[in-house]
């Protein structure tokens, strides 16, 4: 992979992570839905993935940056799957409003995957 292609893909990844965080914050303000503690932890995972991508943009692609992104994604997906398992039991309800039929924590699991 050429350095220019790597830089372009890291920039697109940074934009995607930023879009996810901006949309989550926008829905929070528009719908007056406060994020639960697990949602906040998922946002921390997205921020850490974004930091890894930003480090790649600043200092070039390095294995340590990808390791940071991988650990952050594993952390984020474990938190989001935990929240999915908490709300999958019938009668427990859900948290937040659905977007295209899935709740925020389900979308987070899909994005982290």
Protein backbone atom coordinates (compact mmCIF):
# COMPACT_ATOMS: atom_id res chain seq x y z
CA UNK A 1 0.00 0.00 0.00
CA UNK A 2 1.36 3.37 -0.92
CA UNK A 3 1.79 6.02 1.80
CA UNK A 4 -0.63 8.32 -0.01
CA UNK A 5 -3.36 5.66 -0.12
CA UNK A 6 -2.75 4.87 3.55
CA UNK A 7 -3.06 8.55 4.43
CA UNK A 8 -6.29 8.86 2.42
CA UNK A 9 -7.85 5.81 4.07
CA UNK A 10 -6.86 7.01 7.53
CA UNK A 11 -8.37 10.43 6.77
CA UNK A 12 -11.63 8.79 5.62
CA UNK A 13 -11.67 6.66 8.77
CA UNK A 14 -11.15 9.75 10.91
CA UNK A 15 -14.04 11.46 9.15
CA UNK A 16 -16.26 8.39 9.65
CA UNK A 17 -15.50 8.21 13.38
CA UNK A 18 -16.09 11.95 13.70
CA UNK A 19 -19.42 11.60 11.89
CA UNK A 20 -20.52 8.83 14.27
CA UNK A 21 -19.68 10.98 17.30
CA UNK A 22 -21.33 14.11 15.87
CA UNK A 23 -24.50 12.19 15.01
CA UNK A 24 -24.65 10.66 18.50
CA UNK A 25 -24.22 14.08 20.07
CA UNK A 26 -26.77 15.59 17.68
CA UNK A 27 -29.39 12.97 18.49
CA UNK A 28 -28.67 13.51 22.17
CA UNK A 29 -29.39 17.23 21.89
CA UNK A 30 -32.27 17.01 19.39
CA UNK A 31 -34.21 14.29 21.20
CA UNK A 32 -33.22 15.25 24.76
CA UNK A 33 -31.92 11.75 25.42
CA UNK A 34 -29.15 11.57 27.97
CA UNK A 35 -26.58 8.86 27.21
CA UNK A 36 -26.33 6.00 29.67
CA UNK A 37 -22.95 5.07 31.19
CA UNK A 38 -22.48 2.26 28.67
CA UNK A 39 -23.17 4.68 25.81
CA UNK A 40 -20.52 7.00 27.19
CA UNK A 41 -18.03 4.12 27.30
CA UNK A 42 -18.83 3.33 23.67
CA UNK A 43 -18.10 6.94 22.78
CA UNK A 44 -14.76 6.63 24.58
CA UNK A 45 -14.01 3.64 22.34
CA UNK A 46 -14.85 5.68 19.23
CA UNK A 47 -12.63 8.54 20.43
CA UNK A 48 -9.74 6.12 21.03
CA UNK A 49 -10.14 4.68 17.52
CA UNK A 50 -10.12 8.24 16.20
CA UNK A 51 -6.95 9.00 18.16
CA UNK A 52 -5.25 5.99 16.56
CA UNK A 53 -6.29 7.18 13.12
CA UNK A 54 -5.11 10.70 13.94
CA UNK A 55 -1.73 9.37 15.06
CA UNK A 56 -1.43 7.60 11.72
CA UNK A 57 -2.14 10.88 9.96
CA UNK A 58 0.38 12.83 12.06
CA UNK A 59 3.27 10.39 12.32
CA UNK A 60 2.64 7.89 9.54
CA UNK A 61 1.25 4.37 9.76
CA UNK A 62 2.83 2.42 12.60
CA UNK A 63 1.88 -0.89 14.21
CA UNK A 64 1.45 0.79 17.61
CA UNK A 65 -1.28 3.04 16.22
CA UNK A 66 -3.13 0.10 14.74
CA UNK A 67 -2.76 -1.74 18.05
CA UNK A 68 -4.39 1.21 19.82
CA UNK A 69 -7.26 1.16 17.33
CA UNK A 70 -7.68 -2.60 17.67
CA UNK A 71 -7.77 -2.47 21.48
CA UNK A 72 -10.21 0.45 21.39
CA UNK A 73 -12.47 -1.37 18.93
CA UNK A 74 -12.40 -4.52 21.08
CA UNK A 75 -13.26 -2.44 24.13
CA UNK A 76 -16.07 -0.67 22.29
CA UNK A 77 -17.60 -3.82 20.84
CA UNK A 78 -17.49 -5.57 24.21
CA UNK A 79 -19.33 -2.67 25.85
CA UNK A 80 -21.93 -2.48 23.07
CA UNK A 81 -22.52 -6.24 23.04
CA UNK A 82 -22.93 -6.10 26.82
CA UNK A 83 -25.60 -3.45 26.40
CA UNK A 84 -27.32 -5.44 23.66
CA UNK A 85 -27.40 -8.46 25.97
CA UNK A 86 -28.86 -6.34 28.77
CA UNK A 87 -31.74 -5.17 26.57
CA UNK A 88 -32.38 -8.39 24.63
CA UNK A 89 -34.35 -9.98 27.49
CA UNK A 90 -38.10 -9.62 26.86
CA UNK A 91 -39.78 -7.05 29.07
CA UNK A 92 -36.64 -5.08 29.93
CA UNK A 93 -37.29 -2.33 27.41
CA UNK A 94 -34.66 -0.47 25.50
CA UNK A 95 -32.58 2.66 25.83
CA UNK A 96 -32.88 5.47 23.32
CA UNK A 97 -34.89 5.72 20.16
CA UNK A 98 -34.22 3.47 17.18
CA UNK A 99 -32.48 4.70 14.04
CA UNK A 100 -33.46 2.69 10.96
CA UNK A 101 -34.83 -0.01 13.28
CA UNK A 102 -31.71 -0.45 15.42
CA UNK A 103 -30.83 1.28 18.67
CA UNK A 104 -27.63 3.27 19.14
CA UNK A 105 -25.81 0.48 20.95
CA UNK A 106 -26.57 -1.95 18.13
CA UNK A 107 -25.23 0.54 15.59
CA UNK A 108 -22.13 0.97 17.75
CA UNK A 109 -21.53 -2.79 17.71
CA UNK A 110 -21.89 -2.83 13.92
CA UNK A 111 -19.49 0.10 13.53
CA UNK A 112 -16.90 -1.36 15.89
CA UNK A 113 -17.07 -4.69 14.05
